[in-house]
mmCIF file of all heavy atoms, coordinates in Angstrom:
data_MODEL
# 
_entry.id   MODEL 
# 
loop_
_atom_site.group_PDB 
_atom_site.id 
_atom_site.type_symbol 
_atom_site.label_atom_id 
_atom_site.label_alt_id 
_atom_site.label_comp_id 
_atom_site.label_asym_id 
_atom_site.label_entity_id 
_atom_site.label_seq_id 
_atom_site.pdbx_PDB_ins_code 
_atom_site.Cartn_x 
_atom_site.Cartn_y 
_atom_site.Cartn_z 
_atom_site.occupancy 
_atom_site.B_iso_or_equiv 
_atom_site.pdbx_formal_charge 
_atom_site.auth_seq_id 
_atom_site.auth_comp_id 
_atom_site.auth_asym_id 
_atom_site.auth_atom_id 
_atom_site.pdbx_PDB_model_num 
ATOM 1   N N   . SER A 1 1  ? 6.458   35.697 -20.498 1.00 0.00 ? 1  SER A N   1 
ATOM 2   C CA  . SER A 1 1  ? 7.334   36.749 -20.040 1.00 0.00 ? 1  SER A CA  1 
ATOM 3   C C   . SER A 1 1  ? 6.708   38.085 -20.360 1.00 0.00 ? 1  SER A C   1 
ATOM 4   O O   . SER A 1 1  ? 5.760   38.201 -21.190 1.00 0.00 ? 1  SER A O   1 
ATOM 5   C CB  . SER A 1 1  ? 8.705   36.663 -20.760 1.00 0.00 ? 1  SER A CB  1 
ATOM 6   O OG  . SER A 1 1  ? 8.609   36.944 -22.171 1.00 0.00 ? 1  SER A OG  1 
ATOM 7   N N   . PRO A 1 2  ? 7.151   39.230 -19.695 1.00 0.00 ? 2  PRO A N   1 
ATOM 8   C CA  . PRO A 1 2  ? 6.733   40.547 -20.018 1.00 0.00 ? 2  PRO A CA  1 
ATOM 9   C C   . PRO A 1 2  ? 6.875   40.908 -21.553 1.00 0.00 ? 2  PRO A C   1 
ATOM 10  O O   . PRO A 1 2  ? 5.910   41.513 -22.029 1.00 0.00 ? 2  PRO A O   1 
ATOM 11  C CB  . PRO A 1 2  ? 7.476   41.451 -19.146 1.00 0.00 ? 2  PRO A CB  1 
ATOM 12  C CG  . PRO A 1 2  ? 7.902   40.581 -18.010 1.00 0.00 ? 2  PRO A CG  1 
ATOM 13  C CD  . PRO A 1 2  ? 8.105   39.221 -18.539 1.00 0.00 ? 2  PRO A CD  1 
ATOM 14  N N   . LEU A 1 3  ? 7.971   40.465 -22.112 1.00 0.00 ? 3  LEU A N   1 
ATOM 15  C CA  . LEU A 1 3  ? 8.181   40.817 -23.516 1.00 0.00 ? 3  LEU A CA  1 
ATOM 16  C C   . LEU A 1 3  ? 7.070   40.126 -24.374 1.00 0.00 ? 3  LEU A C   1 
ATOM 17  O O   . LEU A 1 3  ? 6.598   40.774 -25.302 1.00 0.00 ? 3  LEU A O   1 
ATOM 18  C CB  . LEU A 1 3  ? 9.571   40.312 -23.881 1.00 0.00 ? 3  LEU A CB  1 
ATOM 19  C CG  . LEU A 1 3  ? 9.876   40.540 -25.490 1.00 0.00 ? 3  LEU A CG  1 
ATOM 20  C CD1 . LEU A 1 3  ? 9.891   41.985 -25.822 1.00 0.00 ? 3  LEU A CD1 1 
ATOM 21  C CD2 . LEU A 1 3  ? 11.219  39.937 -25.795 1.00 0.00 ? 3  LEU A CD2 1 
ATOM 22  N N   . GLU A 1 4  ? 6.756   38.950 -24.078 1.00 0.00 ? 4  GLU A N   1 
ATOM 23  C CA  . GLU A 1 4  ? 5.743   38.227 -24.836 1.00 0.00 ? 4  GLU A CA  1 
ATOM 24  C C   . GLU A 1 4  ? 4.277   38.844 -24.638 1.00 0.00 ? 4  GLU A C   1 
ATOM 25  O O   . GLU A 1 4  ? 3.540   38.914 -25.585 1.00 0.00 ? 4  GLU A O   1 
ATOM 26  C CB  . GLU A 1 4  ? 5.683   36.778 -24.382 1.00 0.00 ? 4  GLU A CB  1 
ATOM 27  C CG  . GLU A 1 4  ? 6.993   36.015 -24.848 1.00 0.00 ? 4  GLU A CG  1 
ATOM 28  C CD  . GLU A 1 4  ? 7.266   34.773 -24.041 1.00 0.00 ? 4  GLU A CD  1 
ATOM 29  O OE1 . GLU A 1 4  ? 6.499   34.543 -23.117 1.00 0.00 ? 4  GLU A OE1 1 
ATOM 30  O OE2 . GLU A 1 4  ? 8.288   34.013 -24.427 1.00 0.00 ? 4  GLU A OE2 1 
ATOM 31  N N   . ILE A 1 5  ? 4.037   39.408 -23.489 1.00 0.00 ? 5  ILE A N   1 
ATOM 32  C CA  . ILE A 1 5  ? 2.771   40.008 -23.126 1.00 0.00 ? 5  ILE A CA  1 
ATOM 33  C C   . ILE A 1 5  ? 2.718   41.223 -24.072 1.00 0.00 ? 5  ILE A C   1 
ATOM 34  O O   . ILE A 1 5  ? 1.627   41.518 -24.698 1.00 0.00 ? 5  ILE A O   1 
ATOM 35  C CB  . ILE A 1 5  ? 2.663   40.259 -21.665 1.00 0.00 ? 5  ILE A CB  1 
ATOM 36  C CG1 . ILE A 1 5  ? 2.523   39.044 -20.884 1.00 0.00 ? 5  ILE A CG1 1 
ATOM 37  C CG2 . ILE A 1 5  ? 1.378   41.191 -21.466 1.00 0.00 ? 5  ILE A CG2 1 
ATOM 38  C CD1 . ILE A 1 5  ? 2.439   39.252 -19.345 1.00 0.00 ? 5  ILE A CD1 1 
ATOM 39  N N   . VAL A 1 6  ? 3.763   42.069 -24.099 1.00 0.00 ? 6  VAL A N   1 
ATOM 40  C CA  . VAL A 1 6  ? 3.853   43.272 -24.800 1.00 0.00 ? 6  VAL A CA  1 
ATOM 41  C C   . VAL A 1 6  ? 3.657   43.005 -26.316 1.00 0.00 ? 6  VAL A C   1 
ATOM 42  O O   . VAL A 1 6  ? 2.878   43.708 -26.941 1.00 0.00 ? 6  VAL A O   1 
ATOM 43  C CB  . VAL A 1 6  ? 5.080   44.065 -24.524 1.00 0.00 ? 6  VAL A CB  1 
ATOM 44  C CG1 . VAL A 1 6  ? 5.219   45.310 -25.385 1.00 0.00 ? 6  VAL A CG1 1 
ATOM 45  C CG2 . VAL A 1 6  ? 5.210   44.504 -23.081 1.00 0.00 ? 6  VAL A CG2 1 
ATOM 46  N N   . ILE A 1 7  ? 4.424   42.032 -26.775 1.00 0.00 ? 7  ILE A N   1 
ATOM 47  C CA  . ILE A 1 7  ? 4.302   41.719 -28.238 1.00 0.00 ? 7  ILE A CA  1 
ATOM 48  C C   . ILE A 1 7  ? 2.899   41.277 -28.569 1.00 0.00 ? 7  ILE A C   1 
ATOM 49  O O   . ILE A 1 7  ? 2.317   41.764 -29.568 1.00 0.00 ? 7  ILE A O   1 
ATOM 50  C CB  . ILE A 1 7  ? 5.306   40.534 -28.604 1.00 0.00 ? 7  ILE A CB  1 
ATOM 51  C CG1 . ILE A 1 7  ? 6.750   41.084 -28.440 1.00 0.00 ? 7  ILE A CG1 1 
ATOM 52  C CG2 . ILE A 1 7  ? 5.074   40.079 -30.050 1.00 0.00 ? 7  ILE A CG2 1 
ATOM 53  C CD1 . ILE A 1 7  ? 7.819   39.953 -28.690 1.00 0.00 ? 7  ILE A CD1 1 
ATOM 54  N N   . GLY A 1 8  ? 2.237   40.465 -27.800 1.00 0.00 ? 8  GLY A N   1 
ATOM 55  C CA  . GLY A 1 8  ? 0.835   39.995 -28.008 1.00 0.00 ? 8  GLY A CA  1 
ATOM 56  C C   . GLY A 1 8  ? -0.126  41.211 -28.113 1.00 0.00 ? 8  GLY A C   1 
ATOM 57  O O   . GLY A 1 8  ? -0.927  41.336 -29.116 1.00 0.00 ? 8  GLY A O   1 
ATOM 58  N N   . TYR A 1 9  ? -0.133  41.989 -27.037 1.00 0.00 ? 9  TYR A N   1 
ATOM 59  C CA  . TYR A 1 9  ? -1.087  43.086 -26.974 1.00 0.00 ? 9  TYR A CA  1 
ATOM 60  C C   . TYR A 1 9  ? -0.816  44.186 -27.893 1.00 0.00 ? 9  TYR A C   1 
ATOM 61  O O   . TYR A 1 9  ? -1.750  44.735 -28.727 1.00 0.00 ? 9  TYR A O   1 
ATOM 62  C CB  . TYR A 1 9  ? -1.272  43.663 -25.488 1.00 0.00 ? 9  TYR A CB  1 
ATOM 63  C CG  . TYR A 1 9  ? -1.939  42.798 -24.612 1.00 0.00 ? 9  TYR A CG  1 
ATOM 64  C CD1 . TYR A 1 9  ? -1.325  41.992 -23.581 1.00 0.00 ? 9  TYR A CD1 1 
ATOM 65  C CD2 . TYR A 1 9  ? -3.327  42.776 -24.668 1.00 0.00 ? 9  TYR A CD2 1 
ATOM 66  C CE1 . TYR A 1 9  ? -2.172  41.200 -22.679 1.00 0.00 ? 9  TYR A CE1 1 
ATOM 67  C CE2 . TYR A 1 9  ? -4.118  42.055 -23.849 1.00 0.00 ? 9  TYR A CE2 1 
ATOM 68  C CZ  . TYR A 1 9  ? -3.502  41.294 -22.803 1.00 0.00 ? 9  TYR A CZ  1 
ATOM 69  O OH  . TYR A 1 9  ? -4.205  40.428 -21.973 1.00 0.00 ? 9  TYR A OH  1 
ATOM 70  N N   . VAL A 1 10 ? 0.458   44.592 -28.060 1.00 0.00 ? 10 VAL A N   1 
ATOM 71  C CA  . VAL A 1 10 ? 0.854   45.820 -28.813 1.00 0.00 ? 10 VAL A CA  1 
ATOM 72  C C   . VAL A 1 10 ? 0.777   45.356 -30.340 1.00 0.00 ? 10 VAL A C   1 
ATOM 73  O O   . VAL A 1 10 ? 0.367   46.129 -31.158 1.00 0.00 ? 10 VAL A O   1 
ATOM 74  C CB  . VAL A 1 10 ? 2.221   46.230 -28.430 1.00 0.00 ? 10 VAL A CB  1 
ATOM 75  C CG1 . VAL A 1 10 ? 2.751   47.286 -29.459 1.00 0.00 ? 10 VAL A CG1 1 
ATOM 76  C CG2 . VAL A 1 10 ? 2.135   46.885 -27.071 1.00 0.00 ? 10 VAL A CG2 1 
ATOM 77  N N   . GLY A 1 11 ? 1.164   44.080 -30.602 1.00 0.00 ? 11 GLY A N   1 
ATOM 78  C CA  . GLY A 1 11 ? 1.180   43.579 -31.965 1.00 0.00 ? 11 GLY A CA  1 
ATOM 79  C C   . GLY A 1 11 ? -0.284  43.662 -32.481 1.00 0.00 ? 11 GLY A C   1 
ATOM 80  O O   . GLY A 1 11 ? -0.563  44.028 -33.689 1.00 0.00 ? 11 GLY A O   1 
ATOM 81  N N   . ALA A 1 12 ? -1.300  43.183 -31.687 1.00 0.00 ? 12 ALA A N   1 
ATOM 82  C CA  . ALA A 1 12 ? -2.738  43.169 -32.165 1.00 0.00 ? 12 ALA A CA  1 
ATOM 83  C C   . ALA A 1 12 ? -3.204  44.595 -32.253 1.00 0.00 ? 12 ALA A C   1 
ATOM 84  O O   . ALA A 1 12 ? -3.881  44.843 -33.271 1.00 0.00 ? 12 ALA A O   1 
ATOM 85  C CB  . ALA A 1 12 ? -3.525  42.346 -31.106 1.00 0.00 ? 12 ALA A CB  1 
ATOM 86  N N   . ALA A 1 13 ? -2.932  45.488 -31.341 1.00 0.00 ? 13 ALA A N   1 
ATOM 87  C CA  . ALA A 1 13 ? -3.330  46.897 -31.540 1.00 0.00 ? 13 ALA A CA  1 
ATOM 88  C C   . ALA A 1 13 ? -2.801  47.544 -32.734 1.00 0.00 ? 13 ALA A C   1 
ATOM 89  O O   . ALA A 1 13 ? -3.552  48.265 -33.442 1.00 0.00 ? 13 ALA A O   1 
ATOM 90  C CB  . ALA A 1 13 ? -2.967  47.712 -30.215 1.00 0.00 ? 13 ALA A CB  1 
ATOM 91  N N   . ALA A 1 14 ? -1.431  47.311 -33.002 1.00 0.00 ? 14 ALA A N   1 
ATOM 92  C CA  . ALA A 1 14 ? -0.892  47.899 -34.184 1.00 0.00 ? 14 ALA A CA  1 
ATOM 93  C C   . ALA A 1 14 ? -1.405  47.353 -35.398 1.00 0.00 ? 14 ALA A C   1 
ATOM 94  O O   . ALA A 1 14 ? -1.632  48.081 -36.358 1.00 0.00 ? 14 ALA A O   1 
ATOM 95  C CB  . ALA A 1 14 ? 0.671   47.667 -34.064 1.00 0.00 ? 14 ALA A CB  1 
ATOM 96  N N   . SER A 1 15 ? -1.712  46.052 -35.494 1.00 0.00 ? 15 SER A N   1 
ATOM 97  C CA  . SER A 1 15 ? -2.350  45.422 -36.662 1.00 0.00 ? 15 SER A CA  1 
ATOM 98  C C   . SER A 1 15 ? -3.588  45.954 -36.906 1.00 0.00 ? 15 SER A C   1 
ATOM 99  O O   . SER A 1 15 ? -4.023  46.236 -38.117 1.00 0.00 ? 15 SER A O   1 
ATOM 100 C CB  . SER A 1 15 ? -2.447  43.867 -36.405 1.00 0.00 ? 15 SER A CB  1 
ATOM 101 O OG  . SER A 1 15 ? -1.168  43.286 -36.294 1.00 0.00 ? 15 SER A OG  1 
ATOM 102 N N   . LYS A 1 16 ? -4.540  46.155 -36.030 1.00 0.00 ? 16 LYS A N   1 
ATOM 103 C CA  . LYS A 1 16 ? -5.799  46.740 -36.218 1.00 0.00 ? 16 LYS A CA  1 
ATOM 104 C C   . LYS A 1 16 ? -5.685  48.135 -36.634 1.00 0.00 ? 16 LYS A C   1 
ATOM 105 O O   . LYS A 1 16 ? -6.453  48.645 -37.575 1.00 0.00 ? 16 LYS A O   1 
ATOM 106 C CB  . LYS A 1 16 ? -6.726  46.648 -34.863 1.00 0.00 ? 16 LYS A CB  1 
ATOM 107 C CG  . LYS A 1 16 ? -7.055  45.205 -34.490 1.00 0.00 ? 16 LYS A CG  1 
ATOM 108 C CD  . LYS A 1 16 ? -8.018  45.209 -33.394 1.00 0.00 ? 16 LYS A CD  1 
ATOM 109 C CE  . LYS A 1 16 ? -7.152  45.347 -32.092 1.00 0.00 ? 16 LYS A CE  1 
ATOM 110 N NZ  . LYS A 1 16 ? -8.068  45.067 -30.800 1.00 0.00 ? 16 LYS A NZ  1 
ATOM 111 N N   . SER A 1 17 ? -4.724  48.876 -36.136 1.00 0.00 ? 17 SER A N   1 
ATOM 112 C CA  . SER A 1 17 ? -4.573  50.350 -36.561 1.00 0.00 ? 17 SER A CA  1 
ATOM 113 C C   . SER A 1 17 ? -4.070  50.349 -37.969 1.00 0.00 ? 17 SER A C   1 
ATOM 114 O O   . SER A 1 17 ? -4.561  51.279 -38.748 1.00 0.00 ? 17 SER A O   1 
ATOM 115 C CB  . SER A 1 17 ? -3.603  51.045 -35.689 1.00 0.00 ? 17 SER A CB  1 
ATOM 116 O OG  . SER A 1 17 ? -4.140  50.965 -34.323 1.00 0.00 ? 17 SER A OG  1 
ATOM 117 N N   . LEU A 1 18 ? -3.157  49.482 -38.357 1.00 0.00 ? 18 LEU A N   1 
ATOM 118 C CA  . LEU A 1 18 ? -2.701  49.446 -39.775 1.00 0.00 ? 18 LEU A CA  1 
ATOM 119 C C   . LEU A 1 18 ? -3.773  49.189 -40.767 1.00 0.00 ? 18 LEU A C   1 
ATOM 120 O O   . LEU A 1 18 ? -3.872  49.691 -41.803 1.00 0.00 ? 18 LEU A O   1 
ATOM 121 C CB  . LEU A 1 18 ? -1.539  48.486 -39.840 1.00 0.00 ? 18 LEU A CB  1 
ATOM 122 C CG  . LEU A 1 18 ? -0.234  48.891 -39.218 1.00 0.00 ? 18 LEU A CG  1 
ATOM 123 C CD1 . LEU A 1 18 ? 0.784   47.736 -39.259 1.00 0.00 ? 18 LEU A CD1 1 
ATOM 124 C CD2 . LEU A 1 18 ? 0.433   50.149 -40.016 1.00 0.00 ? 18 LEU A CD2 1 
ATOM 125 N N   . MET A 1 19 ? -4.669  48.184 -40.414 1.00 0.00 ? 19 MET A N   1 
ATOM 126 C CA  . MET A 1 19 ? -5.656  47.846 -41.215 1.00 0.00 ? 19 MET A CA  1 
ATOM 127 C C   . MET A 1 19 ? -6.638  48.948 -41.476 1.00 0.00 ? 19 MET A C   1 
ATOM 128 O O   . MET A 1 19 ? -7.113  49.338 -42.567 1.00 0.00 ? 19 MET A O   1 
ATOM 129 C CB  . MET A 1 19 ? -6.555  46.604 -40.709 1.00 0.00 ? 19 MET A CB  1 
ATOM 130 C CG  . MET A 1 19 ? -5.822  45.323 -40.817 1.00 0.00 ? 19 MET A CG  1 
ATOM 131 S SD  . MET A 1 19 ? -6.893  43.912 -40.465 1.00 0.00 ? 19 MET A SD  1 
ATOM 132 C CE  . MET A 1 19 ? -7.410  44.341 -38.679 1.00 0.00 ? 19 MET A CE  1 
ATOM 133 N N   . LEU A 1 20 ? -6.958  49.746 -40.331 1.00 0.00 ? 20 LEU A N   1 
ATOM 134 C CA  . LEU A 1 20 ? -7.779  50.897 -40.420 1.00 0.00 ? 20 LEU A CA  1 
ATOM 135 C C   . LEU A 1 20 ? -7.085  51.883 -41.283 1.00 0.00 ? 20 LEU A C   1 
ATOM 136 O O   . LEU A 1 20 ? -7.780  52.682 -42.185 1.00 0.00 ? 20 LEU A O   1 
ATOM 137 C CB  . LEU A 1 20 ? -8.022  51.418 -39.038 1.00 0.00 ? 20 LEU A CB  1 
ATOM 138 C CG  . LEU A 1 20 ? -8.919  52.677 -38.954 1.00 0.00 ? 20 LEU A CG  1 
ATOM 139 C CD1 . LEU A 1 20 ? -10.229 52.434 -39.513 1.00 0.00 ? 20 LEU A CD1 1 
ATOM 140 C CD2 . LEU A 1 20 ? -9.007  53.151 -37.524 1.00 0.00 ? 20 LEU A CD2 1 
ATOM 141 N N   . GLY A 1 21 ? -5.827  52.154 -41.141 1.00 0.00 ? 21 GLY A N   1 
ATOM 142 C CA  . GLY A 1 21 ? -5.112  53.170 -41.925 1.00 0.00 ? 21 GLY A CA  1 
ATOM 143 C C   . GLY A 1 21 ? -5.187  52.908 -43.441 1.00 0.00 ? 21 GLY A C   1 
ATOM 144 O O   . GLY A 1 21 ? -5.377  53.769 -44.260 1.00 0.00 ? 21 GLY A O   1 
ATOM 145 N N   . LEU A 1 22 ? -5.056  51.567 -43.771 1.00 0.00 ? 22 LEU A N   1 
ATOM 146 C CA  . LEU A 1 22 ? -5.121  51.154 -45.144 1.00 0.00 ? 22 LEU A CA  1 
ATOM 147 C C   . LEU A 1 22 ? -6.564  51.415 -45.709 1.00 0.00 ? 22 LEU A C   1 
ATOM 148 O O   . LEU A 1 22 ? -6.691  51.838 -46.902 1.00 0.00 ? 22 LEU A O   1 
ATOM 149 C CB  . LEU A 1 22 ? -4.566  49.822 -45.317 1.00 0.00 ? 22 LEU A CB  1 
ATOM 150 C CG  . LEU A 1 22 ? -3.118  49.535 -45.044 1.00 0.00 ? 22 LEU A CG  1 
ATOM 151 C CD1 . LEU A 1 22 ? -2.830  48.047 -45.078 1.00 0.00 ? 22 LEU A CD1 1 
ATOM 152 C CD2 . LEU A 1 22 ? -2.298  50.307 -45.983 1.00 0.00 ? 22 LEU A CD2 1 
ATOM 153 N N   . ILE A 1 23 ? -7.523  51.103 -44.907 1.00 0.00 ? 23 ILE A N   1 
ATOM 154 C CA  . ILE A 1 23 ? -8.860  51.303 -45.298 1.00 0.00 ? 23 ILE A CA  1 
ATOM 155 C C   . ILE A 1 23 ? -9.173  52.756 -45.644 1.00 0.00 ? 23 ILE A C   1 
ATOM 156 O O   . ILE A 1 23 ? -9.845  53.111 -46.622 1.00 0.00 ? 23 ILE A O   1 
ATOM 157 C CB  . ILE A 1 23 ? -9.865  50.737 -44.405 1.00 0.00 ? 23 ILE A CB  1 
ATOM 158 C CG1 . ILE A 1 23 ? -9.775  49.163 -44.249 1.00 0.00 ? 23 ILE A CG1 1 
ATOM 159 C CG2 . ILE A 1 23 ? -11.282 51.174 -44.624 1.00 0.00 ? 23 ILE A CG2 1 
ATOM 160 C CD1 . ILE A 1 23 ? -10.576 48.563 -43.196 1.00 0.00 ? 23 ILE A CD1 1 
ATOM 161 N N   . ILE A 1 24 ? -8.642  53.651 -44.736 1.00 0.00 ? 24 ILE A N   1 
ATOM 162 C CA  . ILE A 1 24 ? -8.765  55.070 -44.877 1.00 0.00 ? 24 ILE A CA  1 
ATOM 163 C C   . ILE A 1 24 ? -8.111  55.579 -46.072 1.00 0.00 ? 24 ILE A C   1 
ATOM 164 O O   . ILE A 1 24 ? -8.647  56.492 -46.903 1.00 0.00 ? 24 ILE A O   1 
ATOM 165 C CB  . ILE A 1 24 ? -8.293  55.839 -43.585 1.00 0.00 ? 24 ILE A CB  1 
ATOM 166 C CG1 . ILE A 1 24 ? -9.343  55.570 -42.494 1.00 0.00 ? 24 ILE A CG1 1 
ATOM 167 C CG2 . ILE A 1 24 ? -8.310  57.330 -43.840 1.00 0.00 ? 24 ILE A CG2 1 
ATOM 168 C CD1 . ILE A 1 24 ? -8.861  56.031 -41.114 1.00 0.00 ? 24 ILE A CD1 1 
ATOM 169 N N   . LEU A 1 25 ? -7.001  55.072 -46.331 1.00 0.00 ? 25 LEU A N   1 
ATOM 170 C CA  . LEU A 1 25 ? -6.217  55.417 -47.715 1.00 0.00 ? 25 LEU A CA  1 
ATOM 171 C C   . LEU A 1 25 ? -7.098  55.040 -48.853 1.00 0.00 ? 25 LEU A C   1 
ATOM 172 O O   . LEU A 1 25 ? -7.139  55.859 -49.758 1.00 0.00 ? 25 LEU A O   1 
ATOM 173 C CB  . LEU A 1 25 ? -4.853  54.754 -47.722 1.00 0.00 ? 25 LEU A CB  1 
ATOM 174 C CG  . LEU A 1 25 ? -3.696  55.487 -46.975 1.00 0.00 ? 25 LEU A CG  1 
ATOM 175 C CD1 . LEU A 1 25 ? -2.423  54.568 -47.080 1.00 0.00 ? 25 LEU A CD1 1 
ATOM 176 C CD2 . LEU A 1 25 ? -3.467  56.817 -47.569 1.00 0.00 ? 25 LEU A CD2 1 
ATOM 177 N N   . ALA A 1 26 ? -7.655  53.886 -48.838 1.00 0.00 ? 26 ALA A N   1 
ATOM 178 C CA  . ALA A 1 26 ? -8.471  53.430 -49.991 1.00 0.00 ? 26 ALA A CA  1 
ATOM 179 C C   . ALA A 1 26 ? -9.645  54.301 -50.029 1.00 0.00 ? 26 ALA A C   1 
ATOM 180 O O   . ALA A 1 26 ? -10.047 54.719 -51.224 1.00 0.00 ? 26 ALA A O   1 
ATOM 181 C CB  . ALA A 1 26 ? -8.893  51.999 -49.787 1.00 0.00 ? 26 ALA A CB  1 
ATOM 182 N N   . THR A 1 27 ? -10.225 54.681 -48.993 1.00 0.00 ? 27 THR A N   1 
ATOM 183 C CA  . THR A 1 27 ? -11.485 55.534 -48.858 1.00 0.00 ? 27 THR A CA  1 
ATOM 184 C C   . THR A 1 27 ? -11.151 56.922 -49.488 1.00 0.00 ? 27 THR A C   1 
ATOM 185 O O   . THR A 1 27 ? -11.939 57.599 -50.211 1.00 0.00 ? 27 THR A O   1 
ATOM 186 C CB  . THR A 1 27 ? -11.999 55.661 -47.485 1.00 0.00 ? 27 THR A CB  1 
ATOM 187 O OG1 . THR A 1 27 ? -12.289 54.405 -46.964 1.00 0.00 ? 27 THR A OG1 1 
ATOM 188 C CG2 . THR A 1 27 ? -13.261 56.497 -47.491 1.00 0.00 ? 27 THR A CG2 1 
ATOM 189 N N   . ALA A 1 28 ? -9.914  57.470 -49.172 1.00 0.00 ? 28 ALA A N   1 
ATOM 190 C CA  . ALA A 1 28 ? -9.575  58.721 -49.617 1.00 0.00 ? 28 ALA A CA  1 
ATOM 191 C C   . ALA A 1 28 ? -9.467  58.945 -51.058 1.00 0.00 ? 28 ALA A C   1 
ATOM 192 O O   . ALA A 1 28 ? -9.827  59.872 -51.725 1.00 0.00 ? 28 ALA A O   1 
ATOM 193 C CB  . ALA A 1 28 ? -8.203  59.093 -49.019 1.00 0.00 ? 28 ALA A CB  1 
# 
């Protein structure tokens, strides 16, 4: 379904961004 497509793609993009944000916080 469209909802499942959005959850898959957006969930992965958000997960990668969150990991990067936490790494930057640790770097700071």
